[in-house]
PDB file of N, CA and C in Angstrom:
ATOM      1  N   MET A   1      37.612  45.105   0.772  1.00  0.00           N
ATOM      2  CA  MET A   1      36.319  45.399   1.337  1.00  0.00           C
ATOM      3  C   MET A   1      35.394  44.197   1.192  1.00  0.00           C
ATOM      4  N   LYS A   2      35.489  43.493   0.066  1.00  0.00           N
ATOM      5  CA  LYS A   2      34.650  42.347  -0.177  1.00  0.00           C
ATOM      6  C   LYS A   2      34.979  41.219   0.797  1.00  0.00           C
ATOM      7  N   GLY A   3      36.199  41.107   1.209  1.00  0.00           N
ATOM      8  CA  GLY A   3      36.619  40.075   2.147  1.00  0.00           C
ATOM      9  C   GLY A   3      35.998  40.287   3.531  1.00  0.00           C
ATOM     10  N   TRP A   4      35.905  41.564   3.949  1.00  0.00           N
ATOM     11  CA  TRP A   4      35.297  41.874   5.237  1.00  0.00           C
ATOM     12  C   TRP A   4      33.816  41.497   5.263  1.00  0.00           C
ATOM     13  N   ARG A   5      33.128  41.747   4.175  1.00  0.00           N
ATOM     14  CA  ARG A   5      31.708  41.408   4.088  1.00  0.00           C
ATOM     15  C   ARG A   5      31.517  39.893   4.204  1.00  0.00           C
ATOM     16  N   MET A   6      32.379  39.157   3.533  1.00  0.00           N
ATOM     17  CA  MET A   6      32.295  37.695   3.569  1.00  0.00           C
ATOM     18  C   MET A   6      32.568  37.192   4.982  1.00  0.00           C
ATOM     19  N   LEU A   7      33.541  37.771   5.665  1.00  0.00           N
ATOM     20  CA  LEU A   7      33.878  37.375   7.026  1.00  0.00           C
ATOM     21  C   LEU A   7      32.741  37.709   7.990  1.00  0.00           C
ATOM     22  N   VAL A   8      32.187  38.894   7.887  1.00  0.00           N
ATOM     23  CA  VAL A   8      31.081  39.302   8.762  1.00  0.00           C
ATOM     24  C   VAL A   8      29.863  38.426   8.491  1.00  0.00           C
ATOM     25  N   GLY A   9      29.586  38.139   7.213  1.00  0.00           N
ATOM     26  CA  GLY A   9      28.455  37.276   6.870  1.00  0.00           C
ATOM     27  C   GLY A   9      28.632  35.872   7.421  1.00  0.00           C
ATOM     28  N   THR A  10      29.835  35.346   7.320  1.00  0.00           N
ATOM     29  CA  THR A  10      30.120  34.008   7.833  1.00  0.00           C
ATOM     30  C   THR A  10      29.973  33.977   9.349  1.00  0.00           C
ATOM     31  N   LEU A  11      30.505  34.974  10.024  1.00  0.00           N
ATOM     32  CA  LEU A  11      30.378  35.045  11.484  1.00  0.00           C
ATOM     33  C   LEU A  11      28.913  35.174  11.911  1.00  0.00           C
ATOM     34  N   ALA A  12      28.132  35.939  11.190  1.00  0.00           N
ATOM     35  CA  ALA A  12      26.708  36.086  11.516  1.00  0.00           C
ATOM     36  C   ALA A  12      25.977  34.762  11.320  1.00  0.00           C
ATOM     37  N   LEU A  13      26.320  34.052  10.251  1.00  0.00           N
ATOM     38  CA  LEU A  13      25.701  32.757   9.991  1.00  0.00           C
ATOM     39  C   LEU A  13      26.058  31.747  11.077  1.00  0.00           C
ATOM     40  N   VAL A  14      27.316  31.701  11.465  1.00  0.00           N
ATOM     41  CA  VAL A  14      27.745  30.783  12.522  1.00  0.00           C
ATOM     42  C   VAL A  14      27.067  31.137  13.839  1.00  0.00           C
ATOM     43  N   ALA A  15      26.964  32.414  14.161  1.00  0.00           N
ATOM     44  CA  ALA A  15      26.312  32.837  15.405  1.00  0.00           C
ATOM     45  C   ALA A  15      24.833  32.463  15.393  1.00  0.00           C
ATOM     46  N   ALA A  16      24.185  32.637  14.265  1.00  0.00           N
ATOM     47  CA  ALA A  16      22.760  32.309  14.171  1.00  0.00           C
ATOM     48  C   ALA A  16      22.534  30.800  14.304  1.00  0.00           C
ATOM     49  N   LEU A  17      23.396  30.004  13.695  1.00  0.00           N
ATOM     50  CA  LEU A  17      23.239  28.557  13.767  1.00  0.00           C
ATOM     51  C   LEU A  17      23.517  28.008  15.162  1.00  0.00           C
ATOM     52  N   THR A  18      24.484  28.592  15.866  1.00  0.00           N
ATOM     53  CA  THR A  18      24.786  28.095  17.205  1.00  0.00           C
ATOM     54  C   THR A  18      23.753  28.571  18.223  1.00  0.00           C
ATOM     55  N   ALA A  19      23.128  29.712  17.999  1.00  0.00           N
ATOM     56  CA  ALA A  19      22.135  30.244  18.926  1.00  0.00           C
ATOM     57  C   ALA A  19      20.744  29.667  18.656  1.00  0.00           C
ATOM     58  N   ALA A  20      20.512  29.116  17.479  1.00  0.00           N
ATOM     59  CA  ALA A  20      19.188  28.580  17.140  1.00  0.00           C
ATOM     60  C   ALA A  20      18.908  27.328  17.962  1.00  0.00           C
ATOM     61  N   ARG A  21      17.696  27.242  18.468  1.00  0.00           N
ATOM     62  CA  ARG A  21      17.288  26.064  19.235  1.00  0.00           C
ATOM     63  C   ARG A  21      16.499  25.142  18.317  1.00  0.00           C
ATOM     64  N   PRO A  22      16.647  23.858  18.505  1.00  0.00           N
ATOM     65  CA  PRO A  22      15.826  22.943  17.712  1.00  0.00           C
ATOM     66  C   PRO A  22      14.361  23.052  18.140  1.00  0.00           C
ATOM     67  N   ALA A  23      13.459  22.570  17.308  1.00  0.00           N
ATOM     68  CA  ALA A  23      12.034  22.614  17.622  1.00  0.00           C
ATOM     69  C   ALA A  23      11.773  21.889  18.930  1.00  0.00           C
ATOM     70  N   GLU A  24      10.882  22.448  19.725  1.00  0.00           N
ATOM     71  CA  GLU A  24      10.600  21.846  21.017  1.00  0.00           C
ATOM     72  C   GLU A  24       9.919  20.497  20.831  1.00  0.00           C
ATOM     73  N   ALA A  25      10.288  19.568  21.662  1.00  0.00           N
ATOM     74  CA  ALA A  25       9.687  18.240  21.603  1.00  0.00           C
ATOM     75  C   ALA A  25       8.199  18.307  21.926  1.00  0.00           C
ATOM     76  N   GLU A  26       7.804  19.251  22.771  1.00  0.00           N
ATOM     77  CA  GLU A  26       6.400  19.384  23.139  1.00  0.00           C
ATOM     78  C   GLU A  26       5.545  19.723  21.916  1.00  0.00           C
ATOM     79  N   TYR A  27       6.035  20.593  21.070  1.00  0.00           N
ATOM     80  CA  TYR A  27       5.301  20.970  19.866  1.00  0.00           C
ATOM     81  C   TYR A  27       5.136  19.771  18.937  1.00  0.00           C
ATOM     82  N   LEU A  28       6.212  19.030  18.726  1.00  0.00           N
ATOM     83  CA  LEU A  28       6.139  17.861  17.858  1.00  0.00           C
ATOM     84  C   LEU A  28       5.266  16.764  18.466  1.00  0.00           C
ATOM     85  N   GLU A  29       5.339  16.624  19.779  1.00  0.00           N
ATOM     86  CA  GLU A  29       4.504  15.623  20.451  1.00  0.00           C
ATOM     87  C   GLU A  29       3.021  15.980  20.312  1.00  0.00           C
ATOM     88  N   ASP A  30       2.677  17.259  20.491  1.00  0.00           N
ATOM     89  CA  ASP A  30       1.287  17.696  20.328  1.00  0.00           C
ATOM     90  C   ASP A  30       0.810  17.484  18.899  1.00  0.00           C
ATOM     91  N   ALA A  31       1.683  17.740  17.938  1.00  0.00           N
ATOM     92  CA  ALA A  31       1.313  17.522  16.539  1.00  0.00           C
ATOM     93  C   ALA A  31       1.072  16.038  16.272  1.00  0.00           C
ATOM     94  N   GLY A  32       1.877  15.188  16.867  1.00  0.00           N
ATOM     95  CA  GLY A  32       1.693  13.752  16.699  1.00  0.00           C
ATOM     96  C   GLY A  32       0.394  13.261  17.310  1.00  0.00           C
ATOM     97  N   TRP A  33       0.076  13.736  18.526  1.00  0.00           N
ATOM     98  CA  TRP A  33      -1.184  13.342  19.156  1.00  0.00           C
ATOM     99  C   TRP A  33      -2.372  13.879  18.361  1.00  0.00           C
ATOM    100  N   GLY A  34      -2.231  15.081  17.822  1.00  0.00           N
ATOM    101  CA  GLY A  34      -3.314  15.642  17.007  1.00  0.00           C
ATOM    102  C   GLY A  34      -3.556  14.828  15.748  1.00  0.00           C
ATOM    103  N   ALA A  35      -2.475  14.431  15.081  1.00  0.00           N
ATOM    104  CA  ALA A  35      -2.608  13.618  13.870  1.00  0.00           C
ATOM    105  C   ALA A  35      -3.219  12.255  14.191  1.00  0.00           C
ATOM    106  N   LEU A  36      -2.788  11.650  15.292  1.00  0.00           N
ATOM    107  CA  LEU A  36      -3.349  10.364  15.699  1.00  0.00           C
ATOM    108  C   LEU A  36      -4.832  10.492  16.046  1.00  0.00           C
ATOM    109  N   THR A  37      -5.197  11.605  16.666  1.00  0.00           N
ATOM    110  CA  THR A  37      -6.598  11.849  17.013  1.00  0.00           C
ATOM    111  C   THR A  37      -7.462  11.953  15.764  1.00  0.00           C
ATOM    112  N   VAL A  38      -6.982  12.677  14.768  1.00  0.00           N
ATOM    113  CA  VAL A  38      -7.743  12.814  13.518  1.00  0.00           C
ATOM    114  C   VAL A  38      -7.919  11.455  12.855  1.00  0.00           C
ATOM    115  N   LEU A  39      -6.854  10.677  12.775  1.00  0.00           N
ATOM    116  CA  LEU A  39      -6.952   9.351  12.154  1.00  0.00           C
ATOM    117  C   LEU A  39      -7.891   8.433  12.931  1.00  0.00           C
ATOM    118  N   THR A  40      -7.854   8.523  14.249  1.00  0.00           N
ATOM    119  CA  THR A  40      -8.747   7.711  15.069  1.00  0.00           C
ATOM    120  C   THR A  40     -10.197   8.103  14.853  1.00  0.00           C
ATOM    121  N   ASN A  41     -10.469   9.402  14.800  1.00  0.00           N
ATOM    122  CA  ASN A  41     -11.838   9.873  14.609  1.00  0.00           C
ATOM    123  C   ASN A  41     -12.387   9.540  13.225  1.00  0.00           C
ATOM    124  N   VAL A  42     -11.517   9.415  12.228  1.00  0.00           N
ATOM    125  CA  VAL A  42     -11.974   9.039  10.886  1.00  0.00           C
ATOM    126  C   VAL A  42     -12.638   7.663  10.919  1.00  0.00           C
ATOM    127  N   ALA A  43     -12.138   6.769  11.747  1.00  0.00           N
ATOM    128  CA  ALA A  43     -12.733   5.435  11.861  1.00  0.00           C
ATOM    129  C   ALA A  43     -13.796   5.380  12.960  1.00  0.00           C
ATOM    130  N   TYR A  44     -13.556   6.068  14.087  1.00  0.00           N
ATOM    131  CA  TYR A  44     -14.428   5.945  15.254  1.00  0.00           C
ATOM    132  C   TYR A  44     -15.771   6.642  15.044  1.00  0.00           C
ATOM    133  N   MET A  45     -15.768   7.854  14.526  1.00  0.00           N
ATOM    134  CA  MET A  45     -17.003   8.625  14.426  1.00  0.00           C
ATOM    135  C   MET A  45     -18.059   7.967  13.532  1.00  0.00           C
ATOM    136  N   PRO A  46     -17.725   7.486  12.343  1.00  0.00           N
ATOM    137  CA  PRO A  46     -18.760   6.804  11.550  1.00  0.00           C
ATOM    138  C   PRO A  46     -19.296   5.553  12.244  1.00  0.00           C
ATOM    139  N   ALA A  47     -18.433   4.813  12.921  1.00  0.00           N
ATOM    140  CA  ALA A  47     -18.888   3.617  13.639  1.00  0.00           C
ATOM    141  C   ALA A  47     -19.841   4.004  14.766  1.00  0.00           C
ATOM    142  N   LYS A  48     -19.508   5.040  15.515  1.00  0.00           N
ATOM    143  CA  LYS A  48     -20.359   5.481  16.616  1.00  0.00           C
ATOM    144  C   LYS A  48     -21.690   6.017  16.094  1.00  0.00           C
ATOM    145  N   LEU A  49     -21.660   6.794  15.030  1.00  0.00           N
ATOM    146  CA  LEU A  49     -22.901   7.339  14.470  1.00  0.00           C
ATOM    147  C   LEU A  49     -23.795   6.238  13.925  1.00  0.00           C
ATOM    148  N   CYS A  50     -23.214   5.242  13.307  1.00  0.00           N
ATOM    149  CA  CYS A  50     -23.992   4.104  12.799  1.00  0.00           C
ATOM    150  C   CYS A  50     -24.608   3.343  13.968  1.00  0.00           C
ATOM    151  N   TYR A  51     -23.831   3.100  15.007  1.00  0.00           N
ATOM    152  CA  TYR A  51     -24.322   2.399  16.200  1.00  0.00           C
ATOM    153  C   TYR A  51     -25.460   3.177  16.858  1.00  0.00           C
ATOM    154  N   ALA A  52     -25.301   4.497  16.982  1.00  0.00           N
ATOM    155  CA  ALA A  52     -26.333   5.323  17.616  1.00  0.00           C
ATOM    156  C   ALA A  52     -27.598   5.368  16.766  1.00  0.00           C
ATOM    157  N   THR A  53     -27.445   5.451  15.450  1.00  0.00           N
ATOM    158  CA  THR A  53     -28.616   5.470  14.568  1.00  0.00           C
ATOM    159  C   THR A  53     -29.386   4.157  14.660  1.00  0.00           C
ATOM    160  N   LEU A  54     -28.663   3.058  14.581  1.00  0.00           N
ATOM    161  CA  LEU A  54     -29.333   1.757  14.697  1.00  0.00           C
ATOM    162  C   LEU A  54     -29.951   1.579  16.084  1.00  0.00           C
ATOM    163  N   GLY A  55     -29.310   2.090  17.110  1.00  0.00           N
ATOM    164  CA  GLY A  55     -29.876   2.034  18.452  1.00  0.00           C
ATOM    165  C   GLY A  55     -31.126   2.879  18.580  1.00  0.00           C
ATOM    166  N   GLY A  56     -31.142   4.024  17.909  1.00  0.00           N
ATOM    167  CA  GLY A  56     -32.344   4.860  17.921  1.00  0.00           C
ATOM    168  C   GLY A  56     -33.518   4.159  17.264  1.00  0.00           C
ATOM    169  N   LEU A  57     -33.240   3.524  16.138  1.00  0.00           N
ATOM    170  CA  LEU A  57     -34.308   2.773  15.458  1.00  0.00           C
ATOM    171  C   LEU A  57     -34.749   1.572  16.291  1.00  0.00           C
ATOM    172  N   THR A  58     -33.809   0.864  16.872  1.00  0.00           N
ATOM    173  CA  THR A  58     -34.142  -0.286  17.709  1.00  0.00           C
ATOM    174  C   THR A  58     -34.946   0.139  18.930  1.00  0.00           C
ATOM    175  N   GLY A  59     -34.603   1.259  19.517  1.00  0.00           N
ATOM    176  CA  GLY A  59     -35.370   1.772  20.648  1.00  0.00           C
ATOM    177  C   GLY A  59     -36.795   2.125  20.250  1.00  0.00           C
ATOM    178  N   GLY A  60     -36.956   2.666  19.047  1.00  0.00           N
ATOM    179  CA  GLY A  60     -38.301   2.955  18.545  1.00  0.00           C
ATOM    180  C   GLY A  60     -39.114   1.681  18.363  1.00  0.00           C
ATOM    181  N   PHE A  61     -38.472   0.656  17.809  1.00  0.00           N
ATOM    182  CA  PHE A  61     -39.152  -0.634  17.660  1.00  0.00           C
ATOM    183  C   PHE A  61     -39.479  -1.231  19.024  1.00  0.00           C
ATOM    184  N   ALA A  62     -38.548  -1.101  19.978  1.00  0.00           N
ATOM    185  CA  ALA A  62     -38.795  -1.625  21.323  1.00  0.00           C
ATOM    186  C   ALA A  62     -39.982  -0.907  21.961  1.00  0.00           C
ATOM    187  N   PHE A  63     -40.079   0.394  21.740  1.00  0.00           N
ATOM    188  CA  PHE A  63     -41.196   1.164  22.278  1.00  0.00           C
ATOM    189  C   PHE A  63     -42.516   0.688  21.678  1.00  0.00           C
ATOM    190  N   ALA A  64     -42.528   0.488  20.374  1.00  0.00           N
ATOM    191  CA  ALA A  64     -43.759   0.063  19.692  1.00  0.00           C
ATOM    192  C   ALA A  64     -44.134  -1.373  20.049  1.00  0.00           C
ATOM    193  N   LEU A  65     -43.162  -2.251  20.089  1.00  0.00           N
ATOM    194  CA  LEU A  65     -43.456  -3.664  20.309  1.00  0.00           C
ATOM    195  C   LEU A  65     -43.757  -4.015  21.769  1.00  0.00           C
ATOM    196  N   THR A  66     -43.385  -3.142  22.694  1.00  0.00           N
ATOM    197  CA  THR A  66     -43.709  -3.400  24.097  1.00  0.00           C
ATOM    198  C   THR A  66     -44.967  -2.652  24.520  1.00  0.00           C
ATOM    199  N   GLY A  67     -45.683  -2.141  23.570  1.00  0.00           N
ATOM    200  CA  GLY A  67     -46.929  -1.442  23.892  1.00  0.00           C
ATOM    201  C   GLY A  67     -46.709  -0.086  24.536  1.00  0.00           C
ATOM    202  N   GLY A  68     -45.643   0.579  24.191  1.00  0.00           N
ATOM    203  CA  GLY A  68     -45.391   1.919  24.718  1.00  0.00           C
ATOM    204  C   GLY A  68     -44.615   1.943  26.016  1.00  0.00           C
ATOM    205  N   ASP A  69     -43.843   0.921  26.302  1.00  0.00           N
ATOM    206  CA  ASP A  69     -43.026   0.890  27.517  1.00  0.00           C
ATOM    207  C   ASP A  69     -41.816   1.799  27.327  1.00  0.00           C
ATOM    208  N   LEU A  70     -41.924   3.013  27.884  1.00  0.00           N
ATOM    209  CA  LEU A  70     -40.884   4.016  27.687  1.00  0.00           C
ATOM    210  C   LEU A  70     -39.567   3.632  28.354  1.00  0.00           C
ATOM    211  N   GLN A  71     -39.630   2.954  29.475  1.00  0.00           N
ATOM    212  CA  GLN A  71     -38.394   2.593  30.176  1.00  0.00           C
ATOM    213  C   GLN A  71     -37.544   1.640  29.334  1.00  0.00           C
ATOM    214  N   THR A  72     -38.184   0.681  28.668  1.00  0.00           N
ATOM    215  CA  THR A  72     -37.438  -0.241  27.804  1.00  0.00           C
ATOM    216  C   THR A  72     -36.803   0.517  26.647  1.00  0.00           C
ATOM    217  N   ALA A  73     -37.578   1.400  26.027  1.00  0.00           N
ATOM    218  CA  ALA A  73     -37.053   2.183  24.907  1.00  0.00           C
ATOM    219  C   ALA A  73     -35.920   3.105  25.365  1.00  0.00           C
ATOM    220  N   GLU A  74     -36.083   3.743  26.520  1.00  0.00           N
ATOM    221  CA  GLU A  74     -35.036   4.637  27.030  1.00  0.00           C
ATOM    222  C   GLU A  74     -33.747   3.880  27.322  1.00  0.00           C
ATOM    223  N   THR A  75     -33.888   2.674  27.834  1.00  0.00           N
ATOM    224  CA  THR A  75     -32.693   1.869  28.114  1.00  0.00           C
ATOM    225  C   THR A  75     -31.914   1.614  26.832  1.00  0.00           C
ATOM    226  N   VAL A  76     -32.621   1.285  25.757  1.00  0.00           N
ATOM    227  CA  VAL A  76     -31.954   1.068  24.468  1.00  0.00           C
ATOM    228  C   VAL A  76     -31.378   2.379  23.955  1.00  0.00           C
ATOM    229  N   TRP A  77     -32.145   3.455  24.039  1.00  0.00           N
ATOM    230  CA  TRP A  77     -31.689   4.745  23.518  1.00  0.00           C
ATOM    231  C   TRP A  77     -30.471   5.266  24.274  1.00  0.00           C
ATOM    232  N   VAL A  78     -30.527   5.243  25.598  1.00  0.00           N
ATOM    233  CA  VAL A  78     -29.415   5.773  26.394  1.00  0.00           C
ATOM    234  C   VAL A  78     -28.162   4.940  26.181  1.00  0.00           C
ATOM    235  N   THR A  79     -28.339   3.630  26.120  1.00  0.00           N
ATOM    236  CA  THR A  79     -27.180   2.759  25.928  1.00  0.00           C
ATOM    237  C   THR A  79     -26.540   2.979  24.565  1.00  0.00           C
ATOM    238  N   SER A  80     -27.356   3.106  23.532  1.00  0.00           N
ATOM    239  CA  SER A  80     -26.789   3.231  22.188  1.00  0.00           C
ATOM    240  C   SER A  80     -26.412   4.662  21.827  1.00  0.00           C
ATOM    241  N   MET A  81     -27.174   5.649  22.284  1.00  0.00           N
ATOM    242  CA  MET A  81     -26.908   7.030  21.892  1.00  0.00           C
ATOM    243  C   MET A  81     -26.007   7.777  22.855  1.00  0.00           C
ATOM    244  N   GLY A  82     -25.815   7.233  24.049  1.00  0.00           N
ATOM    245  CA  GLY A  82     -24.921   7.875  25.006  1.00  0.00           C
ATOM    246  C   GLY A  82     -23.478   7.551  24.693  1.00  0.00           C
ATOM    247  N   GLY A  83     -22.599   8.134  25.451  1.00  0.00           N
ATOM    248  CA  GLY A  83     -21.183   7.838  25.270  1.00  0.00           C
ATOM    249  C   GLY A  83     -20.435   8.925  24.524  1.00  0.00           C
ATOM    250  N   THR A  84     -19.242   8.589  24.133  1.00  0.00           N
ATOM    251  CA  THR A  84     -18.325   9.526  23.489  1.00  0.00           C
ATOM    252  C   THR A  84     -18.506   9.488  21.974  1.00  0.00           C
ATOM    253  N   TYR A  85     -18.678  10.653  21.374  1.00  0.00           N
ATOM    254  CA  TYR A  85     -18.809  10.736  19.929  1.00  0.00           C
ATOM    255  C   TYR A  85     -17.518  11.200  19.251  1.00  0.00           C
ATOM    256  N   VAL A  86     -16.702  11.966  19.954  1.00  0.00           N
ATOM    257  CA  VAL A  86     -15.457  12.499  19.390  1.00  0.00           C
ATOM    258  C   VAL A  86     -14.309  12.147  20.330  1.00  0.00           C
ATOM    259  N   ILE A  87     -13.270  11.545  19.791  1.00  0.00           N
ATOM    260  CA  ILE A  87     -12.075  11.198  20.563  1.00  0.00           C
ATOM    261  C   ILE A  87     -11.170  12.424  20.636  1.00  0.00           C
ATOM    262  N   THR A  88     -10.638  12.701  21.817  1.00  0.00           N
ATOM    263  CA  THR A  88      -9.711  13.819  22.004  1.00  0.00           C
ATOM    264  C   THR A  88      -8.313  13.269  22.324  1.00  0.00           C
ATOM    265  N   PRO A  89      -7.279  14.099  22.176  1.00  0.00           N
ATOM    266  CA  PRO A  89      -5.929  13.625  22.502  1.00  0.00           C
ATOM    267  C   PRO A  89      -5.802  13.139  23.947  1.00  0.00           C
ATOM    268  N   SER A  90      -6.476  13.798  24.883  1.00  0.00           N
ATOM    269  CA  SER A  90      -6.376  13.357  26.280  1.00  0.00           C
ATOM    270  C   SER A  90      -7.007  11.981  26.472  1.00  0.00           C
ATOM    271  N   MET A  91      -7.986  11.632  25.659  1.00  0.00           N
ATOM    272  CA  MET A  91      -8.561  10.286  25.723  1.00  0.00           C
ATOM    273  C   MET A  91      -7.570   9.252  25.215  1.00  0.00           C
ATOM    274  N   LEU A  92      -6.864   9.574  24.145  1.00  0.00           N
ATOM    275  CA  LEU A  92      -5.865   8.646  23.611  1.00  0.00           C
ATOM    276  C   LEU A  92      -4.683   8.480  24.556  1.00  0.00           C
ATOM    277  N   GLN A  93      -4.392   9.510  25.331  1.00  0.00           N
ATOM    278  CA  GLN A  93      -3.286   9.438  26.280  1.00  0.00           C
ATOM    279  C   GLN A  93      -3.687   8.757  27.578  1.00  0.00           C
ATOM    280  N   GLY A  94      -4.966   8.414  27.723  1.00  0.00           N
ATOM    281  CA  GLY A  94      -5.434   7.717  28.906  1.00  0.00           C
ATOM    282  C   GLY A  94      -5.830   8.616  30.060  1.00  0.00           C
ATOM    283  N   GLN A  95      -5.907   9.921  29.838  1.00  0.00           N
ATOM    284  CA  GLN A  95      -6.274  10.849  30.899  1.00  0.00           C
ATOM    285  C   GLN A  95      -7.788  10.927  31.094  1.00  0.00           C
ATOM    286  N   GLU A  96      -8.555  10.635  30.058  1.00  0.00           N
ATOM    287  CA  GLU A  96     -10.013  10.621  30.113  1.00  0.00           C
ATOM    288  C   GLU A  96     -10.490   9.298  29.526  1.00  0.00           C
ATOM    289  N   PRO A  97     -11.627   8.791  30.010  1.00  0.00           N
ATOM    290  CA  PRO A  97     -12.111   7.514  29.467  1.00  0.00           C
ATOM    291  C   PRO A  97     -12.788   7.689  28.108  1.00  0.00           C
ATOM    292  N   ILE A  98     -12.737   6.647  27.307  1.00  0.00           N
ATOM    293  CA  ILE A  98     -13.492   6.587  26.056  1.00  0.00           C
ATOM    294  C   ILE A  98     -14.682   5.675  26.338  1.00  0.00           C
ATOM    295  N   VAL A  99     -15.883   6.224  26.249  1.00  0.00           N
ATOM    296  CA  VAL A  99     -17.093   5.486  26.580  1.00  0.00           C
ATOM    297  C   VAL A  99     -17.893   5.316  25.295  1.00  0.00           C
ATOM    298  N   PHE A 100     -17.878   4.101  24.743  1.00  0.00           N
ATOM    299  CA  PHE A 100     -18.594   3.863  23.483  1.00  0.00           C
ATOM    300  C   PHE A 100     -20.096   3.809  23.699  1.00  0.00           C
ATOM    301  N   THR A 101     -20.556   3.240  24.815  1.00  0.00           N
ATOM    302  CA  THR A 101     -21.985   3.144  25.103  1.00  0.00           C
ATOM    303  C   THR A 101     -22.322   3.948  26.340  1.00  0.00           C
ATOM    304  N   GLY A 102     -23.564   4.389  26.417  1.00  0.00           N
ATOM    305  CA  GLY A 102     -24.033   5.105  27.584  1.00  0.00           C
ATOM    306  C   GLY A 102     -24.415   4.141  28.685  1.00  0.00           C
ATOM    307  N   THR A 103     -24.673   4.684  29.859  1.00  0.00           N
ATOM    308  CA  THR A 103     -25.072   3.879  30.999  1.00  0.00           C
ATOM    309  C   THR A 103     -26.460   4.322  31.436  1.00  0.00           C
ATOM    310  N   PRO A 104     -27.445   3.446  31.328  1.00  0.00           N
ATOM    311  CA  PRO A 104     -28.785   3.827  31.791  1.00  0.00           C
ATOM    312  C   PRO A 104     -28.778   4.102  33.289  1.00  0.00           C
ATOM    313  N   SER A 105     -29.613   5.038  33.733  1.00  0.00           N
ATOM    314  CA  SER A 105     -29.663   5.340  35.165  1.00  0.00           C
ATOM    315  C   SER A 105     -30.172   4.124  35.910  1.00  0.00           C
ATOM    316  N   GLY A 106     -29.580   3.884  37.040  1.00  0.00           N
ATOM    317  CA  GLY A 106     -29.963   2.727  37.833  1.00  0.00           C
ATOM    318  C   GLY A 106     -28.951   1.600  37.727  1.00  0.00           C
ATOM    319  N   SER A 107     -28.154   1.566  36.649  1.00  0.00           N
ATOM    320  CA  SER A 107     -27.159   0.505  36.536  1.00  0.00           C
ATOM    321  C   SER A 107     -25.746   1.026  36.730  1.00  0.00           C
ATOM    322  N   GLY A 108     -25.622   2.296  37.074  1.00  0.00           N
ATOM    323  CA  GLY A 108     -24.295   2.856  37.315  1.00  0.00           C
ATOM    324  C   GLY A 108     -24.400   4.306  37.712  1.00  0.00           C
ATOM    325  N   SER A 109     -23.293   4.879  38.159  1.00  0.00           N
ATOM    326  CA  SER A 109     -23.316   6.270  38.584  1.00  0.00           C
ATOM    327  C   SER A 109     -22.989   7.222  37.449  1.00  0.00           C
ATOM    328  N   ASN A 110     -22.408   6.740  36.367  1.00  0.00           N
ATOM    329  CA  ASN A 110     -22.008   7.578  35.246  1.00  0.00           C
ATOM    330  C   ASN A 110     -23.112   7.594  34.187  1.00  0.00           C
ATOM    331  N   THR A 111     -24.087   8.485  34.351  1.00  0.00           N
ATOM    332  CA  THR A 111     -25.172   8.554  33.373  1.00  0.00           C
ATOM    333  C   THR A 111     -24.801   9.546  32.291  1.00  0.00           C
ATOM    334  N   THR A 112     -25.199   9.265  31.076  1.00  0.00           N
ATOM    335  CA  THR A 112     -24.883  10.152  29.971  1.00  0.00           C
ATOM    336  C   THR A 112     -26.103  10.913  29.486  1.00  0.00           C
ATOM    337  N   ALA A 113     -27.258  10.626  30.030  1.00  0.00           N
ATOM    338  CA  ALA A 113     -28.462  11.340  29.641  1.00  0.00           C
ATOM    339  C   ALA A 113     -29.365  11.486  30.864  1.00  0.00           C
ATOM    340  N   ASP A 114     -30.247  12.463  30.796  1.00  0.00           N
ATOM    341  CA  ASP A 114     -31.185  12.681  31.880  1.00  0.00           C
ATOM    342  C   ASP A 114     -32.383  11.773  31.670  1.00  0.00           C
ATOM    343  N   THR A 115     -32.482  10.720  32.459  1.00  0.00           N
ATOM    344  CA  THR A 115     -33.561   9.747  32.278  1.00  0.00           C
ATOM    345  C   THR A 115     -34.424   9.668  33.531  1.00  0.00           C
ATOM    346  N   ARG A 116     -34.643  10.809  34.168  1.00  0.00           N
ATOM    347  CA  ARG A 116     -35.499  10.819  35.347  1.00  0.00           C
ATOM    348  C   ARG A 116     -36.910  10.413  34.943  1.00  0.00           C
ATOM    349  N   SER A 117     -37.583   9.751  35.847  1.00  0.00           N
ATOM    350  CA  SER A 117     -38.936   9.291  35.533  1.00  0.00           C
ATOM    351  C   SER A 117     -39.896  10.479  35.475  1.00  0.00           C
ATOM    352  N   VAL A 118     -40.928  10.333  34.660  1.00  0.00           N
ATOM    353  CA  VAL A 118     -41.926  11.367  34.488  1.00  0.00           C
ATOM    354  C   VAL A 118     -43.059  11.103  35.478  1.00  0.00           C
ATOM    355  N   GLU A 119     -43.463  12.130  36.181  1.00  0.00           N
ATOM    356  CA  GLU A 119     -44.551  11.986  37.142  1.00  0.00           C
ATOM    357  C   GLU A 119     -45.865  12.362  36.481  1.00  0.00           C
ATOM    358  N   GLU A 120     -46.910  11.562  36.732  1.00  0.00           N
ATOM    359  CA  GLU A 120     -48.235  11.879  36.197  1.00  0.00           C
ATOM    360  C   GLU A 120     -48.969  12.735  37.212  1.00  0.00           C
ATOM    361  N   ARG A 121     -49.654  13.757  36.699  1.00  0.00           N
ATOM    362  CA  ARG A 121     -50.456  14.629  37.548  1.00  0.00           C
ATOM    363  C   ARG A 121     -51.816  14.827  36.889  1.00  0.00           C
ATOM    364  N   PRO A 122     -52.836  15.007  37.658  1.00  0.00           N
ATOM    365  CA  PRO A 122     -54.152  15.231  37.074  1.00  0.00           C
ATOM    366  C   PRO A 122     -54.190  16.556  36.321  1.00  0.00           C
ATOM    367  N   LEU A 123     -55.004  16.618  35.275  1.00  0.00           N
ATOM    368  CA  LEU A 123     -55.096  17.829  34.466  1.00  0.00           C
ATOM    369  C   LEU A 123     -55.891  18.933  35.139  1.00  0.00           C
ATOM    370  N   GLY A 124     -56.694  18.616  36.143  1.00  0.00           N
ATOM    371  CA  GLY A 124     -57.539  19.607  36.796  1.00  0.00           C
ATOM    372  C   GLY A 124     -56.770  20.638  37.594  1.00  0.00           C
ATOM    373  N   GLY A 125     -55.474  20.504  37.749  1.00  0.00           N
ATOM    374  CA  GLY A 125     -54.687  21.484  38.502  1.00  0.00           C
ATOM    375  C   GLY A 125     -54.697  21.238  39.987  1.00  0.00           C
ATOM    376  N   SER A 126     -55.316  20.177  40.462  1.00  0.00           N
ATOM    377  CA  SER A 126     -55.316  19.926  41.895  1.00  0.00           C
ATOM    378  C   SER A 126     -54.193  19.034  42.313  1.00  0.00           C
TER     379      SER A 126
END
């Protein structure tokens, strides 16, 4: 009786091993792109945040030193604060662009912020 159990167990093991499929390459590929994305963001995000912070301060100085010229300050702000803050796997694969800096309106079609000009109107309501 013990021999039959061993034979049935061996046959079940062989059947399970031959029917088992190896891990899909797609799953491993996605895991690899995910790991690469995390490692890339560890370096990219602090650099981008530092650049945007310094650009924000520089834009403030530009605003003050030009006597309140908002367009000059906005150009600095949009250029430094616009763009991509988080890298995704599709960006690393080349399906989407990685944009480190923003594009001020007027110098390109890809704007990253709403920089429409402000219209002045009289306060009297007319």
